[in-house]
Amino acid sequence: MGYTETEAKNFIKRIAPLIVEEAKKRGYPIRSTAISQAIIEGAAGTSTLAKLYHNHFGMKATSSYKGDRVK
């Protein structure tokens, strides 16, 4: 897991309003899956990608991608 229950709860408090607001703008009826995915893939905001690069969804790139990326 890599994060505590307290970290996960605090992360939800921070990210849920942002996801709900964006989902409303885009017309997405279900928000819990995006919140859950951000928790799982970004380790509740504690992963290096989440902390340094604000990447909470573990976006992947193949070797054919020529843009900027981090590991």
C-alpha atoms as a PDB file:
ATOM      1  CA  MET A   1       0.000   0.000   0.000  1.00  0.00           C
ATOM      2  CA  GLY A   2       2.685   2.542   0.953  1.00  0.00           C
ATOM      3  CA  TYR A   3       0.425   5.051   2.723  1.00  0.00           C
ATOM      4  CA  THR A   4      -1.502   5.237   5.959  1.00  0.00           C
ATOM      5  CA  GLU A   5      -5.232   5.337   6.459  1.00  0.00           C
ATOM      6  CA  THR A   6      -4.880   8.919   7.698  1.00  0.00           C
ATOM      7  CA  GLU A   7      -2.995   9.901   4.541  1.00  0.00           C
ATOM      8  CA  ALA A   8      -5.713   8.326   2.418  1.00  0.00           C
ATOM      9  CA  LYS A   9      -8.479  10.154   4.299  1.00  0.00           C
ATOM     10  CA  ASN A  10      -6.659  13.486   4.029  1.00  0.00           C
ATOM     11  CA  PHE A  11      -6.058  12.869   0.329  1.00  0.00           C
ATOM     12  CA  ILE A  12      -9.760  12.221  -0.239  1.00  0.00           C
ATOM     13  CA  LYS A  13     -10.639  15.463   1.563  1.00  0.00           C
ATOM     14  CA  ARG A  14      -8.292  17.368  -0.754  1.00  0.00           C
ATOM     15  CA  ILE A  15      -8.962  15.682  -4.067  1.00  0.00           C
ATOM     16  CA  ALA A  16     -12.674  14.810  -3.921  1.00  0.00           C
ATOM     17  CA  PRO A  17     -13.944  18.394  -4.311  1.00  0.00           C
ATOM     18  CA  LEU A  18     -11.651  18.908  -7.313  1.00  0.00           C
ATOM     19  CA  ILE A  19     -12.766  15.700  -8.988  1.00  0.00           C
ATOM     20  CA  VAL A  20     -16.439  16.406  -8.294  1.00  0.00           C
ATOM     21  CA  GLU A  21     -16.144  19.915  -9.758  1.00  0.00           C
ATOM     22  CA  GLU A  22     -14.363  18.697 -12.879  1.00  0.00           C
ATOM     23  CA  ALA A  23     -16.768  15.782 -13.324  1.00  0.00           C
ATOM     24  CA  LYS A  24     -19.727  18.171 -13.207  1.00  0.00           C
ATOM     25  CA  LYS A  25     -18.144  20.343 -15.924  1.00  0.00           C
ATOM     26  CA  ARG A  26     -17.628  17.304 -18.125  1.00  0.00           C
ATOM     27  CA  GLY A  27     -20.975  15.689 -17.365  1.00  0.00           C
ATOM     28  CA  TYR A  28     -19.525  12.590 -15.720  1.00  0.00           C
ATOM     29  CA  PRO A  29     -22.141  11.101 -13.390  1.00  0.00           C
ATOM     30  CA  ILE A  30     -19.801   8.838 -11.404  1.00  0.00           C
ATOM     31  CA  ARG A  31     -16.938  10.418  -9.457  1.00  0.00           C
ATOM     32  CA  SER A  32     -15.957   7.699  -7.003  1.00  0.00           C
ATOM     33  CA  THR A  33     -14.018   5.713  -9.599  1.00  0.00           C
ATOM     34  CA  ALA A  34     -11.729   8.664 -10.394  1.00  0.00           C
ATOM     35  CA  ILE A  35     -11.160   9.279  -6.681  1.00  0.00           C
ATOM     36  CA  SER A  36     -10.418   5.584  -6.117  1.00  0.00           C
ATOM     37  CA  GLN A  37      -8.064   5.411  -9.076  1.00  0.00           C
ATOM     38  CA  ALA A  38      -6.141   8.470  -7.859  1.00  0.00           C
ATOM     39  CA  ILE A  39      -5.750   6.825  -4.451  1.00  0.00           C
ATOM     40  CA  ILE A  40      -4.559   3.515  -5.889  1.00  0.00           C
ATOM     41  CA  GLU A  41      -2.231   4.744  -8.636  1.00  0.00           C
ATOM     42  CA  GLY A  42      -0.909   7.811  -6.813  1.00  0.00           C
ATOM     43  CA  ALA A  43      -0.596   6.079  -3.427  1.00  0.00           C
ATOM     44  CA  ALA A  44      -2.993   8.614  -1.889  1.00  0.00           C
ATOM     45  CA  GLY A  45      -0.744  11.463  -3.012  1.00  0.00           C
ATOM     46  CA  THR A  46       2.422   9.956  -1.507  1.00  0.00           C
ATOM     47  CA  SER A  47       4.051   8.516  -4.637  1.00  0.00           C
ATOM     48  CA  THR A  48       6.979  10.297  -6.256  1.00  0.00           C
ATOM     49  CA  LEU A  49       4.924  10.922  -9.390  1.00  0.00           C
ATOM     50  CA  ALA A  50       2.104  12.439  -7.341  1.00  0.00           C
ATOM     51  CA  LYS A  51       4.324  14.588  -5.110  1.00  0.00           C
ATOM     52  CA  LEU A  52       6.804  15.852  -7.693  1.00  0.00           C
ATOM     53  CA  TYR A  53       4.800  15.803 -10.920  1.00  0.00           C
ATOM     54  CA  HIS A  54       1.151  15.994  -9.768  1.00  0.00           C
ATOM     55  CA  ASN A  55       0.472  12.743 -11.627  1.00  0.00           C
ATOM     56  CA  HIS A  56      -2.091  10.857  -9.565  1.00  0.00           C
ATOM     57  CA  PHE A  57      -3.170   8.440 -12.255  1.00  0.00           C
ATOM     58  CA  GLY A  58       0.076   6.726 -13.259  1.00  0.00           C
ATOM     59  CA  MET A  59      -0.135   7.728 -16.908  1.00  0.00           C
ATOM     60  CA  LYS A  60       1.947   5.371 -19.009  1.00  0.00           C
ATOM     61  CA  ALA A  61       4.016   6.038 -22.129  1.00  0.00           C
ATOM     62  CA  THR A  62       5.501   3.543 -24.539  1.00  0.00           C
ATOM     63  CA  SER A  63       8.886   3.876 -26.201  1.00  0.00           C
ATOM     64  CA  SER A  64       7.151   5.402 -29.256  1.00  0.00           C
ATOM     65  CA  TYR A  65       6.095   8.451 -27.225  1.00  0.00           C
ATOM     66  CA  LYS A  66       8.536  11.315 -27.925  1.00  0.00           C
ATOM     67  CA  GLY A  67       7.298  13.917 -25.411  1.00  0.00           C
ATOM     68  CA  ASP A  68       8.541  14.619 -21.900  1.00  0.00           C
ATOM     69  CA  ARG A  69       8.201  11.851 -19.340  1.00  0.00           C
ATOM     70  CA  VAL A  70       9.488  10.808 -15.946  1.00  0.00           C
ATOM     71  CA  LYS A  71      10.114   7.424 -14.342  1.00  0.00           C
END
